[in-house]
C-alpha atoms as a PDB file:
ATOM      1  CA  MET A   1     153.127  98.597 100.767  1.00  0.00           C
ATOM      2  CA  PRO A   2     154.141 101.663  98.721  1.00  0.00           C
ATOM      3  CA  ASP A   3     157.783 102.599  98.640  1.00  0.00           C
ATOM      4  CA  VAL A   4     157.895 106.001 100.323  1.00  0.00           C
ATOM      5  CA  ASN A   5     161.221 106.721  98.683  1.00  0.00           C
ATOM      6  CA  GLU A   6     159.630 106.540  95.228  1.00  0.00           C
ATOM      7  CA  ILE A   7     156.817 109.019  95.911  1.00  0.00           C
ATOM      8  CA  LYS A   8     157.169 112.077  93.683  1.00  0.00           C
ATOM      9  CA  GLU A   9     156.667 115.490  95.199  1.00  0.00           C
ATOM     10  CA  ALA A  10     153.340 117.056  94.217  1.00  0.00           C
ATOM     11  CA  LYS A  11     153.712 120.242  92.202  1.00  0.00           C
ATOM     12  CA  LYS A  12     150.432 121.179  90.511  1.00  0.00           C
ATOM     13  CA  PHE A  13     148.600 122.937  93.345  1.00  0.00           C
ATOM     14  CA  HIS A  14     147.215 125.749  91.100  1.00  0.00           C
ATOM     15  CA  THR A  15     147.515 128.238  93.935  1.00  0.00           C
ATOM     16  CA  ASP A  16     146.348 131.009  91.626  1.00  0.00           C
ATOM     17  CA  VAL A  17     142.976 129.333  90.951  1.00  0.00           C
ATOM     18  CA  PRO A  18     140.262 129.517  93.659  1.00  0.00           C
ATOM     19  CA  TYR A  19     138.812 126.143  94.597  1.00  0.00           C
ATOM     20  CA  LYS A  20     135.455 125.641  92.872  1.00  0.00           C
ATOM     21  CA  THR A  21     132.430 124.689  94.924  1.00  0.00           C
ATOM     22  CA  GLU A  22     129.294 124.254  92.859  1.00  0.00           C
ATOM     23  CA  GLY A  23     126.161 125.802  94.262  1.00  0.00           C
ATOM     24  CA  PHE A  24     123.115 123.584  93.934  1.00  0.00           C
ATOM     25  CA  PHE A  25     120.692 124.613  91.217  1.00  0.00           C
ATOM     26  CA  LEU A  26     117.385 123.896  92.975  1.00  0.00           C
ATOM     27  CA  LYS A  27     115.565 126.522  94.973  1.00  0.00           C
ATOM     28  CA  GLY A  28     115.890 126.126  98.741  1.00  0.00           C
ATOM     29  CA  SER A  29     118.026 122.988  98.473  1.00  0.00           C
ATOM     30  CA  ASN A  30     121.607 124.181  98.843  1.00  0.00           C
ATOM     31  CA  SER A  31     121.952 123.160 102.506  1.00  0.00           C
ATOM     32  CA  LEU A  32     120.856 119.566 101.905  1.00  0.00           C
ATOM     33  CA  ASP A  33     123.265 116.660 102.170  1.00  0.00           C
ATOM     34  CA  TRP A  34     125.066 115.288  99.098  1.00  0.00           C
ATOM     35  CA  GLY A  35     122.888 112.208  98.732  1.00  0.00           C
ATOM     36  CA  MET A  36     119.698 114.260  98.921  1.00  0.00           C
ATOM     37  CA  LYS A  37     120.978 116.682  96.289  1.00  0.00           C
ATOM     38  CA  ASN A  38     122.104 113.842  94.047  1.00  0.00           C
ATOM     39  CA  ARG A  39     118.651 112.270  94.131  1.00  0.00           C
ATOM     40  CA  LEU A  40     116.989 115.611  93.404  1.00  0.00           C
ATOM     41  CA  ALA A  41     119.401 116.123  90.492  1.00  0.00           C
ATOM     42  CA  ARG A  42     118.123 112.861  89.022  1.00  0.00           C
ATOM     43  CA  ILE A  43     114.522 114.074  89.299  1.00  0.00           C
ATOM     44  CA  PHE A  44     115.191 117.623  88.072  1.00  0.00           C
ATOM     45  CA  ASN A  45     117.287 118.169  84.949  1.00  0.00           C
ATOM     46  CA  PRO A  46     120.337 120.173  86.089  1.00  0.00           C
ATOM     47  CA  LYS A  47     120.498 122.012  82.735  1.00  0.00           C
ATOM     48  CA  SER A  48     116.945 123.348  82.770  1.00  0.00           C
ATOM     49  CA  GLY A  49     116.345 123.070  86.517  1.00  0.00           C
ATOM     50  CA  ARG A  50     112.996 121.447  85.742  1.00  0.00           C
ATOM     51  CA  THR A  51     111.349 118.053  85.554  1.00  0.00           C
ATOM     52  CA  VAL A  52     108.722 116.161  83.593  1.00  0.00           C
ATOM     53  CA  MET A  53     107.319 113.641  86.026  1.00  0.00           C
ATOM     54  CA  LEU A  54     104.968 110.995  84.661  1.00  0.00           C
ATOM     55  CA  ALA A  55     102.359 110.254  87.333  1.00  0.00           C
ATOM     56  CA  ILE A  56     100.956 106.737  87.099  1.00  0.00           C
ATOM     57  CA  ASP A  57     100.085 106.129  90.761  1.00  0.00           C
ATOM     58  CA  HIS A  58      96.324 106.721  90.385  1.00  0.00           C
ATOM     59  CA  GLY A  59      95.522 103.043  90.850  1.00  0.00           C
ATOM     60  CA  TYR A  60      96.396 103.122  94.540  1.00  0.00           C
ATOM     61  CA  PHE A  61      93.010 104.658  95.307  1.00  0.00           C
ATOM     62  CA  GLN A  62      90.917 104.362  92.117  1.00  0.00           C
ATOM     63  CA  GLY A  63      92.021 101.146  90.467  1.00  0.00           C
ATOM     64  CA  PRO A  64      92.683 100.678  86.718  1.00  0.00           C
ATOM     65  CA  THR A  65      91.548 104.061  85.451  1.00  0.00           C
ATOM     66  CA  THR A  66      91.447 104.826  81.715  1.00  0.00           C
ATOM     67  CA  GLY A  67      94.937 104.620  80.266  1.00  0.00           C
ATOM     68  CA  LEU A  68      96.328 102.639  83.191  1.00  0.00           C
ATOM     69  CA  GLU A  69      94.584  99.350  82.461  1.00  0.00           C
ATOM     70  CA  ARG A  70      97.880  97.845  81.250  1.00  0.00           C
ATOM     71  CA  ILE A  71     100.996  99.594  82.524  1.00  0.00           C
ATOM     72  CA  ASP A  72     103.246  97.331  80.467  1.00  0.00           C
ATOM     73  CA  ILE A  73     101.507  98.244  77.203  1.00  0.00           C
ATOM     74  CA  ASN A  74     100.357 101.828  77.789  1.00  0.00           C
ATOM     75  CA  ILE A  75     103.017 103.322  80.052  1.00  0.00           C
ATOM     76  CA  LEU A  76     106.399 101.662  79.586  1.00  0.00           C
ATOM     77  CA  PRO A  77     106.786 103.071  76.024  1.00  0.00           C
ATOM     78  CA  LEU A  78     106.388 106.571  77.528  1.00  0.00           C
ATOM     79  CA  ALA A  79     108.912 106.106  80.319  1.00  0.00           C
ATOM     80  CA  PRO A  80     112.061 106.967  78.318  1.00  0.00           C
ATOM     81  CA  TYR A  81     110.658 110.440  77.599  1.00  0.00           C
ATOM     82  CA  ALA A  82     110.021 111.286  81.271  1.00  0.00           C
ATOM     83  CA  ASP A  83     112.579 112.540  83.761  1.00  0.00           C
ATOM     84  CA  THR A  84     111.009 110.441  86.481  1.00  0.00           C
ATOM     85  CA  LEU A  85     108.164 108.021  87.114  1.00  0.00           C
ATOM     86  CA  MET A  86     105.830 108.557  90.066  1.00  0.00           C
ATOM     87  CA  LEU A  87     104.283 105.218  90.959  1.00  0.00           C
ATOM     88  CA  THR A  88     103.540 102.621  93.628  1.00  0.00           C
ATOM     89  CA  ARG A  89     105.828  99.867  94.810  1.00  0.00           C
ATOM     90  CA  GLY A  90     103.472  97.233  93.435  1.00  0.00           C
ATOM     91  CA  ILE A  91     103.712  98.560  89.883  1.00  0.00           C
ATOM     92  CA  LEU A  92     107.453  99.154  90.217  1.00  0.00           C
ATOM     93  CA  ARG A  93     108.133  95.579  91.258  1.00  0.00           C
ATOM     94  CA  SER A  94     105.638  93.858  88.984  1.00  0.00           C
ATOM     95  CA  THR A  95     106.008  95.846  85.786  1.00  0.00           C
ATOM     96  CA  VAL A  96     108.972  98.225  85.522  1.00  0.00           C
ATOM     97  CA  PRO A  97     112.120  96.409  84.351  1.00  0.00           C
ATOM     98  CA  PRO A  98     115.125  96.765  86.676  1.00  0.00           C
ATOM     99  CA  SER A  99     117.161  97.944  83.683  1.00  0.00           C
ATOM    100  CA  PHE A 100     115.142 101.180  83.763  1.00  0.00           C
ATOM    101  CA  THR A 101     117.585 103.873  84.860  1.00  0.00           C
ATOM    102  CA  LYS A 102     115.392 106.976  85.194  1.00  0.00           C
ATOM    103  CA  SER A 103     114.545 108.219  88.681  1.00  0.00           C
ATOM    104  CA  ILE A 104     111.650 106.830  90.706  1.00  0.00           C
ATOM    105  CA  VAL A 105     109.324 108.788  92.980  1.00  0.00           C
ATOM    106  CA  LEU A 106     107.585 106.273  95.207  1.00  0.00           C
ATOM    107  CA  ARG A 107     104.052 106.760  96.496  1.00  0.00           C
ATOM    108  CA  VAL A 108     104.292 106.000 100.228  1.00  0.00           C
ATOM    109  CA  SER A 109     100.946 107.198 101.626  1.00  0.00           C
ATOM    110  CA  GLY A 110      97.641 105.410 101.205  1.00  0.00           C
ATOM    111  CA  GLY A 111      94.932 103.478 102.967  1.00  0.00           C
ATOM    112  CA  THR A 112      91.612 104.605 101.500  1.00  0.00           C
ATOM    113  CA  SER A 113      89.846 104.283  98.157  1.00  0.00           C
ATOM    114  CA  ILE A 114      87.448 106.479  96.212  1.00  0.00           C
ATOM    115  CA  LEU A 115      84.670 104.675  98.088  1.00  0.00           C
ATOM    116  CA  LYS A 116      85.740 106.250 101.398  1.00  0.00           C
ATOM    117  CA  GLU A 117      87.061 109.526 102.822  1.00  0.00           C
ATOM    118  CA  LEU A 118      90.291 110.038 100.842  1.00  0.00           C
ATOM    119  CA  SER A 119      91.987 112.210 103.454  1.00  0.00           C
ATOM    120  CA  ASN A 120      92.076 109.325 105.943  1.00  0.00           C
ATOM    121  CA  GLU A 121      95.513 108.113 104.824  1.00  0.00           C
ATOM    122  CA  ALA A 122      98.467 106.649 106.685  1.00  0.00           C
ATOM    123  CA  ILE A 123     102.046 105.809 105.823  1.00  0.00           C
ATOM    124  CA  ALA A 124     101.744 102.686 103.670  1.00  0.00           C
ATOM    125  CA  VAL A 125     105.406 102.196 102.698  1.00  0.00           C
ATOM    126  CA  GLY A 126     108.314 102.386 105.142  1.00  0.00           C
ATOM    127  CA  ILE A 127     111.710 104.002 104.687  1.00  0.00           C
ATOM    128  CA  GLU A 128     113.478 100.630 104.408  1.00  0.00           C
ATOM    129  CA  GLU A 129     111.290  99.752 101.432  1.00  0.00           C
ATOM    130  CA  SER A 130     112.063 103.091  99.781  1.00  0.00           C
ATOM    131  CA  ILE A 131     115.779 102.436 100.214  1.00  0.00           C
ATOM    132  CA  ARG A 132     115.405  98.867  98.965  1.00  0.00           C
ATOM    133  CA  LEU A 133     113.622 100.088  95.829  1.00  0.00           C
ATOM    134  CA  ASN A 134     116.228 102.803  95.187  1.00  0.00           C
ATOM    135  CA  ALA A 135     113.673 105.611  95.271  1.00  0.00           C
ATOM    136  CA  CYS A 136     114.833 109.151  94.553  1.00  0.00           C
ATOM    137  CA  ALA A 137     111.909 110.663  96.489  1.00  0.00           C
ATOM    138  CA  MET A 138     108.883 109.619  98.532  1.00  0.00           C
ATOM    139  CA  ALA A 139     105.448 111.104  97.771  1.00  0.00           C
ATOM    140  CA  VAL A 140     102.987 111.793 100.582  1.00  0.00           C
ATOM    141  CA  GLN A 141      99.481 113.202 100.110  1.00  0.00           C
ATOM    142  CA  VAL A 142      98.687 116.214 102.315  1.00  0.00           C
ATOM    143  CA  PHE A 143      95.061 117.234 102.768  1.00  0.00           C
ATOM    144  CA  ILE A 144      95.125 120.850 103.947  1.00  0.00           C
ATOM    145  CA  GLY A 145      91.558 121.660 105.007  1.00  0.00           C
ATOM    146  CA  GLY A 146      90.499 118.031 104.784  1.00  0.00           C
ATOM    147  CA  GLU A 147      88.796 116.025 107.498  1.00  0.00           C
ATOM    148  CA  TYR A 148      92.084 114.319 108.385  1.00  0.00           C
ATOM    149  CA  GLU A 149      94.342 117.322 107.781  1.00  0.00           C
ATOM    150  CA  LYS A 150      96.439 116.848 110.928  1.00  0.00           C
ATOM    151  CA  GLU A 151      97.017 113.147 110.317  1.00  0.00           C
ATOM    152  CA  SER A 152      98.147 113.757 106.731  1.00  0.00           C
ATOM    153  CA  ILE A 153     100.534 116.513 107.823  1.00  0.00           C
ATOM    154  CA  ILE A 154     102.036 114.218 110.456  1.00  0.00           C
ATOM    155  CA  ASN A 155     102.415 111.516 107.784  1.00  0.00           C
ATOM    156  CA  MET A 156     104.478 113.975 105.766  1.00  0.00           C
ATOM    157  CA  THR A 157     106.650 115.122 108.658  1.00  0.00           C
ATOM    158  CA  ARG A 158     107.373 111.521 109.641  1.00  0.00           C
ATOM    159  CA  MET A 159     108.625 110.792 106.132  1.00  0.00           C
ATOM    160  CA  VAL A 160     110.648 114.011 106.110  1.00  0.00           C
ATOM    161  CA  ASP A 161     112.365 112.903 109.331  1.00  0.00           C
ATOM    162  CA  MET A 162     113.049 109.370 108.100  1.00  0.00           C
ATOM    163  CA  GLY A 163     113.996 110.474 104.597  1.00  0.00           C
ATOM    164  CA  THR A 164     116.427 113.079 105.860  1.00  0.00           C
ATOM    165  CA  ARG A 165     118.124 110.421 107.984  1.00  0.00           C
ATOM    166  CA  TYR A 166     118.828 108.369 104.872  1.00  0.00           C
ATOM    167  CA  GLY A 167     119.130 111.045 102.203  1.00  0.00           C
ATOM    168  CA  ILE A 168     115.789 110.575 100.410  1.00  0.00           C
ATOM    169  CA  PRO A 169     113.689 113.695  99.656  1.00  0.00           C
ATOM    170  CA  THR A 170     109.991 113.937 100.472  1.00  0.00           C
ATOM    171  CA  LEU A 171     107.471 115.225  97.931  1.00  0.00           C
ATOM    172  CA  ALA A 172     104.344 116.718  99.486  1.00  0.00           C
ATOM    173  CA  VAL A 173     101.324 116.307  97.203  1.00  0.00           C
ATOM    174  CA  THR A 174      98.611 118.840  97.992  1.00  0.00           C
ATOM    175  CA  ALA A 175      95.071 117.520  97.645  1.00  0.00           C
ATOM    176  CA  VAL A 176      91.931 119.535  97.109  1.00  0.00           C
ATOM    177  CA  GLY A 177      88.689 118.064  98.415  1.00  0.00           C
ATOM    178  CA  ARG A 178      85.430 118.121  96.515  1.00  0.00           C
ATOM    179  CA  ASN A 179      84.046 121.051  98.513  1.00  0.00           C
ATOM    180  CA  MET A 180      87.182 123.208  98.673  1.00  0.00           C
ATOM    181  CA  ASN A 181      87.776 126.365  96.676  1.00  0.00           C
ATOM    182  CA  ARG A 182      90.798 126.132  94.437  1.00  0.00           C
ATOM    183  CA  ASP A 183      91.867 129.746  94.861  1.00  0.00           C
ATOM    184  CA  VAL A 184      95.240 131.386  95.241  1.00  0.00           C
ATOM    185  CA  ARG A 185      94.940 131.858  98.991  1.00  0.00           C
ATOM    186  CA  TYR A 186      94.337 128.147  99.495  1.00  0.00           C
ATOM    187  CA  PHE A 187      97.352 127.123  97.420  1.00  0.00           C
ATOM    188  CA  ARG A 188      99.630 129.668  99.074  1.00  0.00           C
ATOM    189  CA  LEU A 189      98.500 128.252 102.415  1.00  0.00           C
ATOM    190  CA  ALA A 190      98.854 124.582 101.452  1.00  0.00           C
ATOM    191  CA  THR A 191     102.237 124.836  99.772  1.00  0.00           C
ATOM    192  CA  ARG A 192     103.731 127.069 102.453  1.00  0.00           C
ATOM    193  CA  ILE A 193     102.625 124.736 105.253  1.00  0.00           C
ATOM    194  CA  CYS A 194     104.245 121.778 103.492  1.00  0.00           C
ATOM    195  CA  ALA A 195     107.484 123.707 102.949  1.00  0.00           C
ATOM    196  CA  GLU A 196     107.557 125.059 106.492  1.00  0.00           C
ATOM    197  CA  LEU A 197     107.258 121.534 107.882  1.00  0.00           C
ATOM    198  CA  GLY A 198     110.114 120.188 105.789  1.00  0.00           C
ATOM    199  CA  ALA A 199     108.902 118.961 102.384  1.00  0.00           C
ATOM    200  CA  HIS A 200     111.760 119.114  99.904  1.00  0.00           C
ATOM    201  CA  TYR A 201     109.482 119.875  96.973  1.00  0.00           C
ATOM    202  CA  ILE A 202     105.748 120.170  96.455  1.00  0.00           C
ATOM    203  CA  LYS A 203     103.207 119.120  93.858  1.00  0.00           C
ATOM    204  CA  THR A 204     100.210 121.402  93.494  1.00  0.00           C
ATOM    205  CA  TYR A 205      97.652 122.572  90.960  1.00  0.00           C
ATOM    206  CA  TYR A 206      97.934 125.475  88.556  1.00  0.00           C
ATOM    207  CA  ILE A 207      95.517 128.378  88.815  1.00  0.00           C
ATOM    208  CA  GLU A 208      95.290 131.185  86.281  1.00  0.00           C
ATOM    209  CA  ASP A 209      94.921 134.012  88.777  1.00  0.00           C
ATOM    210  CA  GLY A 210      97.995 134.499  90.966  1.00  0.00           C
ATOM    211  CA  PHE A 211      99.961 131.282  90.481  1.00  0.00           C
ATOM    212  CA  GLU A 212     103.200 133.282  90.472  1.00  0.00           C
ATOM    213  CA  THR A 213     102.468 134.325  94.073  1.00  0.00           C
ATOM    214  CA  VAL A 214     102.179 130.638  95.017  1.00  0.00           C
ATOM    215  CA  THR A 215     105.598 129.803  93.586  1.00  0.00           C
ATOM    216  CA  SER A 216     107.272 132.959  94.862  1.00  0.00           C
ATOM    217  CA  SER A 217     106.032 132.511  98.435  1.00  0.00           C
ATOM    218  CA  CYS A 218     107.096 128.856  98.579  1.00  0.00           C
ATOM    219  CA  PRO A 219     110.799 128.434  99.511  1.00  0.00           C
ATOM    220  CA  VAL A 220     111.183 125.036  97.807  1.00  0.00           C
ATOM    221  CA  PRO A 221     110.469 123.877  94.232  1.00  0.00           C
ATOM    222  CA  ILE A 222     106.865 123.489  93.101  1.00  0.00           C
ATOM    223  CA  VAL A 223     105.854 120.974  90.434  1.00  0.00           C
ATOM    224  CA  MET A 224     102.529 121.533  88.700  1.00  0.00           C
ATOM    225  CA  ALA A 225      99.940 118.755  88.930  1.00  0.00           C
ATOM    226  CA  GLY A 226      98.322 117.962  85.602  1.00  0.00           C
ATOM    227  CA  GLY A 227      94.855 117.184  86.943  1.00  0.00           C
ATOM    228  CA  LYS A 228      91.977 115.919  84.857  1.00  0.00           C
ATOM    229  CA  LYS A 229      92.222 115.389  81.098  1.00  0.00           C
ATOM    230  CA  ILE A 230      91.817 118.543  79.008  1.00  0.00           C
ATOM    231  CA  PRO A 231      92.508 119.175  75.288  1.00  0.00           C
ATOM    232  CA  GLU A 232      96.170 118.853  74.337  1.00  0.00           C
ATOM    233  CA  LEU A 233      96.702 122.522  73.463  1.00  0.00           C
ATOM    234  CA  ASP A 234      95.102 123.562  76.731  1.00  0.00           C
ATOM    235  CA  ALA A 235      97.338 121.183  78.693  1.00  0.00           C
ATOM    236  CA  LEU A 236     100.450 122.481  76.931  1.00  0.00           C
ATOM    237  CA  THR A 237      99.336 126.055  77.609  1.00  0.00           C
ATOM    238  CA  MET A 238      98.818 125.257  81.286  1.00  0.00           C
ATOM    239  CA  ALA A 239     102.268 123.663  81.531  1.00  0.00           C
ATOM    240  CA  TYR A 240     103.886 126.615  79.762  1.00  0.00           C
ATOM    241  CA  ARG A 241     102.252 129.180  82.010  1.00  0.00           C
ATOM    242  CA  ALA A 242     103.132 127.200  85.112  1.00  0.00           C
ATOM    243  CA  VAL A 243     106.853 127.031  84.364  1.00  0.00           C
ATOM    244  CA  GLN A 244     106.964 130.627  83.161  1.00  0.00           C
ATOM    245  CA  GLU A 245     105.327 131.629  86.442  1.00  0.00           C
ATOM    246  CA  GLY A 246     107.852 129.834  88.596  1.00  0.00           C
ATOM    247  CA  ALA A 247     107.064 126.113  88.634  1.00  0.00           C
ATOM    248  CA  SER A 248     110.062 123.785  88.458  1.00  0.00           C
ATOM    249  CA  GLY A 249     108.306 121.401  86.106  1.00  0.00           C
ATOM    250  CA  VAL A 250     105.143 119.353  85.821  1.00  0.00           C
ATOM    251  CA  ASP A 251     103.829 116.051  87.114  1.00  0.00           C
ATOM    252  CA  MET A 252     101.326 114.963  84.483  1.00  0.00           C
ATOM    253  CA  GLY A 253      99.397 111.745  84.228  1.00  0.00           C
ATOM    254  CA  ARG A 254      95.995 111.784  82.555  1.00  0.00           C
ATOM    255  CA  ASN A 255      96.915 114.625  80.200  1.00  0.00           C
ATOM    256  CA  ILE A 256      99.640 112.368  78.854  1.00  0.00           C
ATOM    257  CA  PHE A 257      98.477 108.753  79.047  1.00  0.00           C
ATOM    258  CA  GLN A 258      94.875 109.630  78.109  1.00  0.00           C
ATOM    259  CA  SER A 259      96.006 111.698  75.130  1.00  0.00           C
ATOM    260  CA  GLU A 260      95.213 110.498  71.616  1.00  0.00           C
ATOM    261  CA  SER A 261      98.956 110.100  71.114  1.00  0.00           C
ATOM    262  CA  PRO A 262     100.669 109.749  74.512  1.00  0.00           C
ATOM    263  CA  ILE A 263     104.210 109.415  73.140  1.00  0.00           C
ATOM    264  CA  ALA A 264     103.803 112.591  71.104  1.00  0.00           C
ATOM    265  CA  MET A 265     102.242 114.404  74.057  1.00  0.00           C
ATOM    266  CA  ILE A 266     104.977 113.642  76.553  1.00  0.00           C
ATOM    267  CA  GLN A 267     107.581 114.901  74.086  1.00  0.00           C
ATOM    268  CA  ALA A 268     105.600 118.082  73.511  1.00  0.00           C
ATOM    269  CA  VAL A 269     105.348 118.616  77.271  1.00  0.00           C
ATOM    270  CA  GLY A 270     109.106 118.112  77.532  1.00  0.00           C
ATOM    271  CA  ALA A 271     109.687 120.801  74.902  1.00  0.00           C
ATOM    272  CA  VAL A 272     107.586 123.259  76.911  1.00  0.00           C
ATOM    273  CA  VAL A 273     109.222 122.421  80.231  1.00  0.00           C
ATOM    274  CA  HIS A 274     112.873 122.052  79.268  1.00  0.00           C
ATOM    275  CA  ASP A 275     113.149 124.205  76.131  1.00  0.00           C
ATOM    276  CA  ASN A 276     110.639 126.974  76.927  1.00  0.00           C
ATOM    277  CA  GLU A 277     108.785 126.118  73.729  1.00  0.00           C
ATOM    278  CA  THR A 278     105.561 128.051  73.247  1.00  0.00           C
ATOM    279  CA  PRO A 279     102.288 126.109  73.515  1.00  0.00           C
ATOM    280  CA  GLU A 280     101.578 126.701  69.818  1.00  0.00           C
ATOM    281  CA  LYS A 281     104.974 125.360  68.718  1.00  0.00           C
ATOM    282  CA  ALA A 282     104.698 122.453  71.119  1.00  0.00           C
ATOM    283  CA  PHE A 283     101.252 121.638  69.742  1.00  0.00           C
ATOM    284  CA  GLU A 284     102.723 121.628  66.223  1.00  0.00           C
ATOM    285  CA  LEU A 285     105.368 119.209  67.482  1.00  0.00           C
ATOM    286  CA  TYR A 286     102.649 117.061  69.030  1.00  0.00           C
ATOM    287  CA  ASN A 287     100.727 116.847  65.735  1.00  0.00           C
ATOM    288  CA  THR A 288     103.882 116.114  63.748  1.00  0.00           C
ATOM    289  CA  LEU A 289     104.884 113.290  66.088  1.00  0.00           C
ATOM    290  CA  LYS A 290     101.318 111.993  66.257  1.00  0.00           C
ATOM    291  CA  ASN A 291     101.089 111.774  62.464  1.00  0.00           C
ATOM    292  CA  ARG A 292     104.507 110.154  62.277  1.00  0.00           C
ATOM    293  CA  ASN A 293     103.510 107.552  64.852  1.00  0.00           C
ATOM    294  CA  THR A 294     100.258 106.906  62.991  1.00  0.00           C
ATOM    295  CA  LEU A 295     102.116 106.315  59.736  1.00  0.00           C
ATOM    296  CA  ALA A 296     104.515 103.953  61.476  1.00  0.00           C
ATOM    297  CA  LEU A 297     101.678 101.691  62.648  1.00  0.00           C
END
């Protein structure tokens, strides 16, 4: 027991200095609980307010696509350059070493393959599993306008409810069906619905005409989806425009791991996202790193 007679009187109260309370840096997130904010601050870099997510969850519906045949060989060397990995629990457990300290965004919806109607998903991973795997966020696909639109929205809201109970954010991933128009009105609709129903941040596609209206009308952070593989300079240009027009980062997969030099590409993307590097300068960086990596082989 402490000796109350030996306790020294406190003196340094700094009554002339107002108590500092840090406002949270992410759009629409200031009212969240501490644990939720802490997880988001591991996904989004607090200095830039942005993230480079490396999406490698494609196998959950399309199997070992090009570049994801061997996660241990093709992807793990890229992981240190990403702010977070977006992946499935199977790959996390089987392949990612537990010494990996970057944040994890866990794919929790699923149930159909490319051979069936993709919008017919359910919750495939429970909240206890997300806690057990130390996830910083849970990703749920939302098919606005799809055949199973309602079911996918309910999947998302269920995870929002469960995640909020335990302090884990929910990422809503907007999906565009084969017969849907990818126009600005659709993306304003899809992202706003997800935000209105509680998603803590949203992944959606970039469009050249009006993307800034998508980000400005969405009250939570938007992360740009990389989409199909395009030339490196084009991908860097798309990422640059997205963040300059209000996106809080990118979630790229194929445009990184299917690049001729994936390690160089993810670093170039990071320069665009975190340092506001121009696409041209980032492409120069990509070529420099690519040539350096080639010489090192």
